[in-house]
Protein backbone atom coordinates (compact mmCIF):
# COMPACT_ATOMS: atom_id res chain seq x y z
CA MET A 1 45.58 16.04 -60.63
CA ASN A 2 47.99 18.93 -59.84
CA ASN A 3 50.46 17.69 -61.76
CA VAL A 4 47.91 17.88 -64.74
CA PHE A 5 47.31 21.64 -64.14
CA TYR A 6 50.96 22.12 -63.55
CA ARG A 7 51.40 21.62 -66.85
CA VAL A 8 48.59 23.06 -68.52
CA ARG A 9 50.28 25.90 -66.99
CA GLN A 10 53.62 25.44 -67.93
CA LEU A 11 51.71 25.12 -71.57
CA PHE A 12 50.09 28.40 -71.12
CA LEU A 13 53.48 30.12 -70.08
CA LEU A 14 55.03 28.88 -73.13
CA LEU A 15 52.25 30.66 -75.21
CA LEU A 16 52.68 33.70 -73.59
CA VAL A 17 56.63 33.39 -74.77
CA LEU A 18 55.88 32.62 -77.91
CA THR A 19 53.16 35.16 -78.60
CA CYS A 20 55.79 38.58 -77.54
CA ALA A 21 58.63 36.81 -79.18
CA VAL A 22 57.50 35.97 -82.46
CA PRO A 23 56.87 39.62 -84.79
CA LEU A 24 53.55 39.70 -86.46
CA ARG A 25 53.41 38.63 -89.98
CA ALA A 26 51.15 37.83 -92.51
CA GLN A 27 51.51 34.18 -91.78
CA ARG A 28 53.49 32.92 -88.80
CA LEU A 29 54.20 28.84 -87.97
CA LEU A 30 52.40 27.20 -84.71
CA THR A 31 53.73 25.25 -82.83
CA LEU A 32 51.86 21.99 -81.44
CA GLU A 33 52.64 22.97 -78.04
CA GLU A 34 51.10 26.47 -78.93
CA ALA A 35 47.82 24.77 -80.54
CA ILE A 36 47.39 22.94 -77.23
CA ALA A 37 47.95 25.91 -75.02
CA THR A 38 45.72 27.92 -76.61
CA ALA A 39 42.89 24.82 -76.81
CA LEU A 40 42.76 24.15 -73.47
CA LEU A 41 43.04 27.91 -72.30
CA ASN A 42 39.87 29.14 -74.65
CA ASN A 43 38.26 25.48 -75.63
CA TYR A 44 34.37 25.34 -74.76
CA GLN A 45 33.85 21.82 -73.50
CA ILE A 46 36.96 22.46 -71.12
CA GLN A 47 35.12 25.80 -69.77
CA LEU A 48 31.85 23.92 -69.07
CA SER A 49 33.63 21.45 -67.46
CA LYS A 50 35.07 23.63 -64.88
CA ASN A 51 31.67 25.13 -64.56
CA ASP A 52 30.21 21.82 -63.51
CA SER A 53 33.31 21.17 -61.09
CA THR A 54 33.54 24.53 -59.44
CA ILE A 55 29.64 24.19 -58.57
CA ALA A 56 30.67 20.64 -57.04
CA ALA A 57 33.68 22.63 -55.15
CA ILE A 58 31.20 24.94 -54.06
CA ASP A 59 29.39 22.26 -51.97
CA TYR A 60 32.35 21.03 -50.59
CA SER A 61 33.49 24.07 -48.95
CA TYR A 62 30.32 23.78 -47.52
CA ARG A 63 30.59 19.99 -46.61
CA ASN A 64 31.00 20.49 -42.68
CA MET A 65 27.95 23.13 -42.22
CA ALA A 66 25.68 19.93 -41.98
CA PHE A 67 27.40 19.22 -38.46
CA LEU A 68 26.20 22.75 -37.25
CA PRO A 69 22.98 23.70 -36.16
CA THR A 70 20.13 26.07 -37.45
CA VAL A 71 19.12 28.87 -36.11
CA ASN A 72 16.13 31.14 -37.11
CA GLY A 73 14.31 34.05 -36.21
CA ASN A 74 11.07 35.20 -36.52
CA ALA A 75 8.68 37.99 -35.83
CA GLY A 76 5.06 39.37 -36.29
CA LEU A 77 2.68 42.29 -35.14
CA SER A 78 -0.98 42.29 -35.44
CA ASN A 79 -3.11 44.93 -35.18
CA THR A 80 -7.08 43.97 -34.28
CA ASN A 81 -10.33 45.84 -34.08
CA ASN A 82 -13.04 44.03 -33.19
CA ASN A 83 -17.31 44.87 -31.66
CA GLN A 84 -18.36 42.21 -28.63
CA LYS A 85 -21.11 41.72 -27.30
CA GLN A 86 -21.63 39.15 -24.24
CA THR A 87 -24.51 37.40 -22.35
CA LEU A 88 -23.54 36.33 -19.31
CA ALA A 89 -25.12 33.32 -17.17
CA ASP A 90 -27.00 35.57 -15.19
CA GLY A 91 -28.47 37.00 -17.96
CA THR A 92 -26.40 40.45 -17.90
CA GLN A 93 -25.41 41.67 -21.33
CA ARG A 94 -22.35 43.99 -22.38
CA LYS A 95 -21.39 45.20 -25.34
CA SER A 96 -18.59 47.20 -26.93
CA ASN A 97 -17.31 48.59 -30.35
CA ASN A 98 -14.15 49.22 -31.50
CA ILE A 99 -11.91 47.04 -29.31
CA ARG A 100 -8.69 48.02 -29.99
CA SER A 101 -5.67 45.48 -29.39
CA ASN A 102 -1.58 44.68 -30.49
CA ASN A 103 0.15 41.76 -30.21
CA LEU A 104 3.94 41.53 -31.35
CA GLN A 105 5.72 38.52 -31.04
CA ALA A 106 8.79 37.20 -31.48
CA ASN A 107 11.20 34.30 -31.15
CA VAL A 108 14.59 32.88 -32.07
CA SER A 109 14.77 28.65 -32.46
CA LEU A 110 17.61 26.83 -32.74
CA ASN A 111 17.76 23.07 -33.95
CA TRP A 112 20.57 20.82 -33.65
CA VAL A 113 20.72 17.40 -34.87
CA LEU A 114 22.93 15.19 -32.90
CA PHE A 115 22.38 11.84 -34.93
CA ASP A 116 20.63 10.78 -37.90
CA GLY A 117 22.26 7.54 -38.53
CA LEU A 118 25.38 8.77 -39.25
CA ARG A 119 23.56 10.37 -42.52
CA MET A 120 25.62 13.75 -42.27
CA PHE A 121 28.85 11.86 -41.86
CA ALA A 122 28.49 10.27 -45.52
CA THR A 123 26.47 13.45 -47.11
CA ARG A 124 29.97 15.45 -45.85
CA ASP A 125 32.23 12.42 -47.70
CA LYS A 126 30.31 12.06 -50.78
CA ALA A 127 30.62 16.19 -51.17
CA ALA A 128 34.23 15.19 -51.38
CA SER A 129 33.87 12.56 -54.11
CA LEU A 130 31.64 14.62 -55.92
CA LEU A 131 34.54 17.66 -56.07
CA GLU A 132 36.86 14.65 -57.37
CA ALA A 133 34.82 13.45 -59.67
CA GLY A 134 34.38 16.65 -60.98
CA GLU A 135 38.13 17.13 -61.46
CA TYR A 136 38.27 13.96 -63.19
CA THR A 137 35.77 15.08 -65.50
CA ILE A 138 37.99 18.30 -66.10
CA ARG A 139 41.08 15.96 -66.84
CA GLU A 140 38.96 13.69 -69.52
CA GLN A 141 38.17 16.82 -71.33
CA ILE A 142 41.37 18.03 -71.24
CA VAL A 143 42.83 14.35 -72.50
CA ASN A 144 40.70 14.35 -74.98
CA THR A 145 40.75 17.98 -76.01
CA ILE A 146 44.64 17.73 -76.51
CA ALA A 147 44.67 14.45 -78.27
CA ALA A 148 42.00 16.44 -80.47
CA VAL A 149 44.18 18.90 -81.45
CA ILE A 150 47.54 17.19 -82.19
CA ASN A 151 45.31 14.30 -84.63
CA ASN A 152 44.01 17.92 -86.48
CA TYR A 153 47.19 19.18 -86.17
CA TYR A 154 49.22 16.63 -87.78
CA ALA A 155 46.52 16.53 -90.49
CA ILE A 156 47.56 19.82 -91.90
CA ALA A 157 50.91 18.07 -91.63
CA ARG A 158 49.81 14.91 -93.79
CA GLY A 159 48.04 17.32 -96.40
CA LYS A 160 50.81 19.16 -96.38
CA GLN A 161 53.18 15.89 -97.52
CA GLN A 162 50.18 14.92 -100.15
CA ILE A 163 51.20 18.56 -101.66
CA GLU A 164 54.65 18.13 -101.51
CA ALA A 165 53.95 14.45 -103.75
CA THR A 166 51.90 16.24 -106.17
CA ASP A 167 54.33 18.75 -106.58
CA VAL A 168 56.96 15.96 -107.49
CA GLN A 169 54.24 14.35 -109.82
CA ILE A 170 53.51 18.20 -111.46
CA LYS A 171 56.98 18.23 -111.78
CA LEU A 172 57.51 15.03 -113.87
CA ASN A 173 54.32 15.65 -115.88
CA GLN A 174 55.88 18.91 -116.87
CA GLU A 175 59.36 17.45 -118.01
CA ARG A 176 57.31 14.34 -119.53
CA ALA A 177 55.16 17.03 -121.12
CA LYS A 178 57.60 19.25 -122.80
CA LEU A 179 59.90 15.65 -123.27
CA ALA A 180 56.96 14.86 -125.89
CA GLN A 181 56.38 18.20 -127.53
CA ASN A 182 60.32 17.87 -128.07
CA LYS A 183 60.16 14.63 -129.70
CA LEU A 184 56.94 15.91 -131.82
CA ASP A 185 58.62 18.68 -133.13
CA ILE A 186 61.69 16.59 -134.38
CA GLY A 187 59.21 14.07 -136.08
CA THR A 188 60.12 11.23 -133.50
CA GLY A 189 56.60 11.81 -131.05
CA ALA A 190 53.39 11.36 -131.64
CA LYS A 191 50.57 13.69 -130.89
CA PRO A 192 48.82 11.41 -128.54
CA ASP A 193 52.01 11.43 -125.90
CA VAL A 194 51.97 15.07 -125.81
CA LEU A 195 48.14 14.93 -125.33
CA GLN A 196 48.20 12.51 -122.13
CA SER A 197 50.96 14.35 -120.68
CA LYS A 198 49.24 17.54 -120.51
CA VAL A 199 46.03 16.10 -119.45
CA ASP A 200 48.01 14.04 -116.39
CA LEU A 201 49.30 17.28 -115.48
CA ASN A 202 46.30 19.57 -115.56
CA SER A 203 44.93 16.32 -113.54
CA GLN A 204 47.57 17.10 -111.07
CA ARG A 205 47.35 20.00 -110.90
CA SER A 206 43.32 20.33 -110.22
CA LEU A 207 44.01 17.55 -107.19
CA ARG A 208 46.30 20.08 -105.44
CA MET A 209 43.95 22.42 -105.59
CA GLN A 210 41.62 20.48 -103.98
CA GLN A 211 44.54 19.14 -101.95
CA GLU A 212 45.50 23.13 -100.61
CA VAL A 213 41.22 23.40 -99.71
CA GLN A 214 41.43 20.66 -97.69
CA VAL A 215 44.66 21.97 -95.83
CA ALA A 216 43.04 25.34 -95.34
CA GLN A 217 39.57 23.50 -94.06
CA LEU A 218 42.29 21.54 -91.82
CA LYS A 219 43.63 24.74 -90.56
CA GLU A 220 40.29 26.43 -89.98
CA GLN A 221 39.16 23.67 -87.83
CA LEU A 222 42.32 23.73 -85.48
CA ALA A 223 41.57 27.31 -85.42
CA GLN A 224 38.29 26.39 -84.13
CA ALA A 225 38.90 24.06 -81.75
CA MET A 226 41.61 26.55 -80.26
CA ASN A 227 38.28 28.84 -79.78
CA SER A 228 41.16 31.40 -80.79
CA GLN A 229 41.43 34.93 -82.75
CA ILE A 230 44.10 33.21 -85.02
CA LYS A 231 42.32 32.00 -87.96
CA GLY A 232 43.52 29.19 -90.40
CA ALA A 233 45.34 31.88 -93.49
CA ALA A 234 46.89 33.53 -90.45
CA PHE A 235 49.48 30.30 -89.53
CA ASP A 236 51.39 27.54 -91.23
CA ILE A 237 52.59 24.86 -89.64
CA PRO A 238 55.37 22.23 -90.08
CA ASP A 239 55.16 19.60 -92.92
CA THR A 240 56.89 17.09 -90.60
CA ILE A 241 55.15 14.22 -88.73
CA PRO A 242 57.44 12.80 -85.76
CA LEU A 243 56.58 9.48 -84.33
CA ASN A 244 57.35 7.45 -81.20
CA TYR A 245 58.89 4.08 -81.92
CA ASP A 246 59.80 3.27 -78.14
CA LEU A 247 55.74 2.53 -77.49
CA SER A 248 55.55 -0.99 -75.45
CA LEU A 249 51.96 -2.86 -74.72
CA GLY A 250 53.37 -3.52 -71.20
CA ASN A 251 54.44 -0.21 -70.42
CA ILE A 252 50.43 1.37 -71.90
CA LEU A 253 48.56 -1.22 -69.67
CA ASP A 254 50.74 -0.92 -66.62
CA GLY A 255 48.75 1.76 -64.55
CA ILE A 256 46.17 2.30 -66.72
CA ASP A 257 43.92 2.62 -64.22
CA GLN A 258 45.55 5.10 -62.28
CA HIS A 259 46.04 7.45 -64.86
CA ASN A 260 43.01 7.25 -67.35
CA PRO A 261 40.88 9.67 -66.26
CA THR A 262 37.33 7.47 -67.65
CA LEU A 263 38.01 4.86 -65.28
CA LEU A 264 39.25 7.04 -62.66
CA LEU A 265 36.02 8.83 -63.16
CA ALA A 266 33.61 5.72 -62.82
CA LYS A 267 36.02 4.79 -59.76
CA THR A 268 34.69 7.88 -58.24
CA ARG A 269 30.69 7.13 -58.74
CA ILE A 270 31.22 3.74 -57.66
CA GLN A 271 32.15 5.74 -54.55
CA VAL A 272 29.72 8.90 -54.24
CA ALA A 273 27.02 5.41 -55.00
CA GLN A 274 28.71 3.97 -51.60
CA TYR A 275 27.95 6.99 -49.81
CA THR A 276 24.01 7.35 -51.22
CA VAL A 277 23.85 3.74 -50.00
CA LYS A 278 24.71 4.91 -46.29
CA GLU A 279 22.80 8.02 -46.56
CA SER A 280 19.58 5.78 -47.48
CA ARG A 281 20.39 3.69 -44.48
CA ALA A 282 20.26 6.25 -42.34
CA GLY A 283 16.21 6.59 -42.92
CA LEU A 284 16.09 3.57 -40.83
CA TYR A 285 17.33 4.88 -37.71
CA PRO A 286 15.89 7.48 -34.97
CA THR A 287 16.80 11.27 -35.37
CA LEU A 288 18.09 12.72 -32.21
CA SER A 289 18.25 16.48 -32.27
CA PHE A 290 18.32 19.41 -29.66
CA ASN A 291 15.73 22.38 -29.74
CA SER A 292 15.78 25.55 -28.24
CA MET A 293 14.02 28.72 -28.30
CA TYR A 294 13.64 31.95 -26.93
CA ASN A 295 10.12 33.54 -26.91
CA PHE A 296 8.89 37.24 -26.44
CA THR A 297 5.05 38.16 -26.40
CA ARG A 298 3.45 41.59 -25.90
CA THR A 299 -0.24 42.53 -25.75
CA GLU A 300 -1.75 45.75 -25.43
CA ASN A 301 -5.36 46.28 -25.00
CA LYS A 302 -7.07 49.79 -25.25
CA LYS A 303 -9.96 48.29 -23.92
CA VAL A 304 -11.71 45.56 -22.67
CA ILE A 305 -15.52 44.22 -22.40
CA ASN A 306 -14.30 41.99 -19.14
CA PRO A 307 -13.23 43.51 -16.06
CA PHE A 308 -11.06 40.63 -15.49
CA SER A 309 -9.22 40.67 -18.64
CA THR A 310 -5.56 42.82 -19.11
CA LEU A 311 -5.16 45.78 -20.84
CA PHE A 312 -1.59 44.88 -21.00
CA ASN A 313 0.07 41.39 -21.22
CA GLN A 314 4.42 40.63 -21.84
CA SER A 315 6.15 37.56 -21.54
CA HIS A 316 9.84 36.43 -22.67
CA GLY A 317 11.79 33.50 -22.03
CA TYR A 318 12.84 30.38 -23.36
CA ASN A 319 13.04 26.93 -23.31
CA TYR A 320 15.25 23.97 -24.35
CA GLY A 321 14.98 19.92 -24.46
CA LEU A 322 15.84 17.25 -27.06
CA THR A 323 13.40 15.61 -29.37
CA ALA A 324 14.03 12.34 -31.16
CA SER A 325 12.02 10.93 -34.05
CA ILE A 326 11.90 6.96 -34.48
CA PRO A 327 10.81 5.71 -37.80
CA ILE A 328 8.04 3.28 -36.85
CA PHE A 329 6.30 2.59 -40.22
CA ASN A 330 6.66 5.25 -43.47
CA GLN A 331 4.95 3.22 -45.97
CA LEU A 332 8.33 1.63 -46.38
CA SER A 333 10.41 4.47 -48.38
CA ALA A 334 13.27 4.00 -46.15
CA ARG A 335 14.01 0.52 -47.56
CA ARG A 336 13.07 0.91 -51.03
CA ASP A 337 15.26 3.70 -51.29
CA ILE A 338 18.46 1.78 -49.74
CA ARG A 339 17.39 -1.12 -52.66
CA GLN A 340 17.38 1.35 -54.97
CA SER A 341 20.83 3.09 -53.74
CA GLN A 342 22.31 -0.55 -54.01
CA TRP A 343 21.05 -1.32 -57.58
CA SER A 344 22.47 1.83 -58.51
CA LEU A 345 26.07 1.05 -56.65
CA LYS A 346 25.72 -2.44 -59.07
CA MET A 347 25.34 -0.29 -62.21
CA GLU A 348 28.27 1.93 -61.45
CA GLU A 349 30.71 -0.93 -60.81
CA LEU A 350 29.27 -2.82 -63.59
CA ASN A 351 30.00 0.57 -65.54
CA TYR A 352 33.27 0.54 -64.29
CA ASP A 353 34.03 -2.83 -64.97
CA ASN A 354 32.44 -2.11 -68.49
CA GLN A 355 34.54 0.66 -69.09
CA ARG A 356 37.94 -0.62 -68.05
CA SER A 357 36.95 -3.52 -70.00
CA LEU A 358 36.33 -1.47 -73.38
CA ILE A 359 39.45 0.56 -72.51
CA ASN A 360 42.13 -2.19 -72.10
CA LEU A 361 40.38 -3.76 -75.23
CA ASN A 362 41.21 -0.41 -77.25
CA ALA A 363 44.34 0.01 -76.25
CA LEU A 364 45.00 -3.75 -77.28
CA ASN A 365 43.82 -2.88 -80.53
CA SER A 366 45.28 0.64 -80.99
CA TYR A 367 48.66 -1.28 -80.22
CA LYS A 368 48.12 -4.03 -82.90
CA ASN A 369 47.50 -1.04 -85.42
CA TYR A 370 50.17 1.14 -84.07
CA ASP A 371 52.68 -1.73 -84.38
CA GLN A 372 51.40 -2.59 -87.92
CA GLN A 373 51.39 0.63 -89.06
CA LYS A 374 55.08 1.10 -88.12
CA ARG A 375 56.01 -1.81 -89.90
CA ALA A 376 53.85 -0.59 -92.88
CA LEU A 377 56.04 2.54 -92.60
CA LYS A 378 59.18 0.55 -92.86
CA LEU A 379 58.42 -1.07 -95.88
CA GLU A 380 56.78 2.11 -97.50
CA GLU A 381 59.95 3.88 -96.78
CA GLU A 382 61.74 1.25 -98.77
CA ASN A 383 59.28 1.38 -101.60
CA ILE A 384 59.27 5.01 -101.88
CA GLU A 385 63.28 4.99 -102.64
CA LEU A 386 62.52 1.98 -105.33
CA ALA A 387 59.71 3.78 -106.91
CA LYS A 388 61.77 7.34 -107.15
CA GLU A 389 64.58 5.13 -108.72
CA ASN A 390 62.14 3.00 -111.22
CA VAL A 391 60.92 6.17 -112.34
CA ASP A 392 64.24 8.14 -112.91
CA ILE A 393 65.14 4.50 -115.36
CA VAL A 394 62.26 4.77 -116.70
CA PHE A 395 62.59 8.21 -117.65
CA GLN A 396 65.91 8.32 -118.67
CA THR A 397 64.73 5.28 -121.01
CA TYR A 398 61.66 6.79 -122.32
CA LYS A 399 64.34 10.40 -123.26
CA LEU A 400 65.89 7.89 -125.45
CA GLY A 401 63.46 6.34 -126.81
CA MET A 402 63.30 2.84 -125.37
CA ALA A 403 60.32 2.94 -123.43
CA THR A 404 56.75 3.67 -123.98
CA LEU A 405 54.49 6.69 -122.33
CA VAL A 406 52.69 3.79 -120.56
CA GLN A 407 55.35 2.42 -119.18
CA LEU A 408 56.65 5.48 -117.95
CA ARG A 409 53.07 6.46 -116.42
CA GLU A 410 52.88 3.62 -114.55
CA ALA A 411 55.95 4.35 -113.27
CA GLN A 412 54.59 7.48 -112.16
CA LEU A 413 51.53 6.07 -110.59
CA SER A 414 53.79 3.20 -108.24
CA LEU A 415 55.97 6.06 -107.38
CA ALA A 416 52.18 8.13 -106.54
CA GLN A 417 50.92 5.47 -104.67
CA ALA A 418 54.15 4.79 -102.88
CA TYR A 419 53.91 8.57 -101.78
CA ASP A 420 50.28 8.18 -100.42
CA ARG A 421 50.82 5.06 -98.63
CA LEU A 422 53.78 6.56 -96.71
CA ILE A 423 52.13 9.46 -95.82
CA GLU A 424 48.96 7.29 -94.74
CA ALA A 425 51.38 4.96 -92.65
CA ARG A 426 53.17 8.01 -91.08
CA TYR A 427 49.84 9.73 -90.19
CA ASN A 428 47.85 6.37 -89.13
CA THR A 429 51.48 5.45 -87.05
CA LYS A 430 51.16 9.06 -85.16
CA LEU A 431 47.03 8.02 -84.79
CA SER A 432 47.78 5.20 -83.00
CA GLU A 433 50.65 6.74 -80.80
CA THR A 434 48.54 9.57 -79.73
CA GLU A 435 45.13 6.96 -79.07
CA LEU A 436 47.13 4.85 -76.76
CA MET A 437 48.71 8.09 -74.90
CA ARG A 438 45.13 9.14 -74.71
CA LEU A 439 43.70 5.69 -73.16
CA LYS A 440 46.59 5.69 -71.08
CA GLY A 441 46.08 9.35 -69.59
CA ASP A 442 49.56 10.09 -70.06
CA ILE A 443 49.12 12.15 -73.25
CA ILE A 444 50.65 15.49 -71.44
CA LYS A 445 54.29 15.46 -71.46
């Protein structure tokens, strides 16, 4: 866990260096490391997880207090003013008004539980497990946040690549419209070819505007994920999507139980449930406590009606002893608590097995998708070269009047589709790669 926060601190220091080194401009280049560091520093969900962990840390810092005694002090002062009338056995009557007295009492009591069925030990160890669970909750949120930032970051890169692909189509349509107009001017072309070329050109320009809006929206999403003062229009990112082609399924599955924060959290919850069972079982055992108290009492009467009553009385001293509380019958509440805590433990164990099964399944499916996308990417990289060459050939033959506009449009459409498949294959490969690293819990490098 310390290693994770050490890496996070490194990313934050990199953020500070980049912020100081890059001069203020209308639009600056935002690196992936800077985006991740900013998100880890400001993300709301991470801050909430840290607050929850802080509460557990406070409980952990007082974990040994369960072994110490409790000491309480009490003090009280009372004043009385009574009217009394007495009739004795011999028939004598006594009567007095405004009989005032003051009574002062104070004591300090100590209660020290010496044995409670080992509940205090279970409570102490449970606090440690709760603290560990809080740390894994933070780590889980960190891993998920980093994965979301990476996916958002490269979604912007994908959008920029799509704009570049559209620019290629715009350039081709501009040349095609110009060539169709020239053919029409010299009497070898047709008006519909000119009109269709301009319609296709405007269609591509409209598509480009839509793509620009999508990229702007993705930038704002990234800015929101970072919870930064940086607005989407104030930064730009590279249009490249680097890929790791060397991931293997064995490497991903190896050690996933020791790195995946979701599994680690589920395993820690099992430990918490085990300590809860121990706490419940303590209810079956007697409790032995050491008790001690120091008392001080002073009573002062202004006058008395009985001549044998005291006008002033003061006492002080201490007492001590042992108290044993033996459960004989408590409506079987202890056994009920034990059964409930045992079922909670079984549920946590089932939850761990379920999470492990789901994560292994997701890892297997993600790797299959990763492998398929790699092969698709390799194929589309070959297709894009073929589509480019095909467009160039058909365009040259169209200039010579040996190809029709329909043939050229089909070649352009094939090129556009090849670009779309290539960009999607590249981005989907990156998504699969990120998901594999997220599932392993090793996404922070």
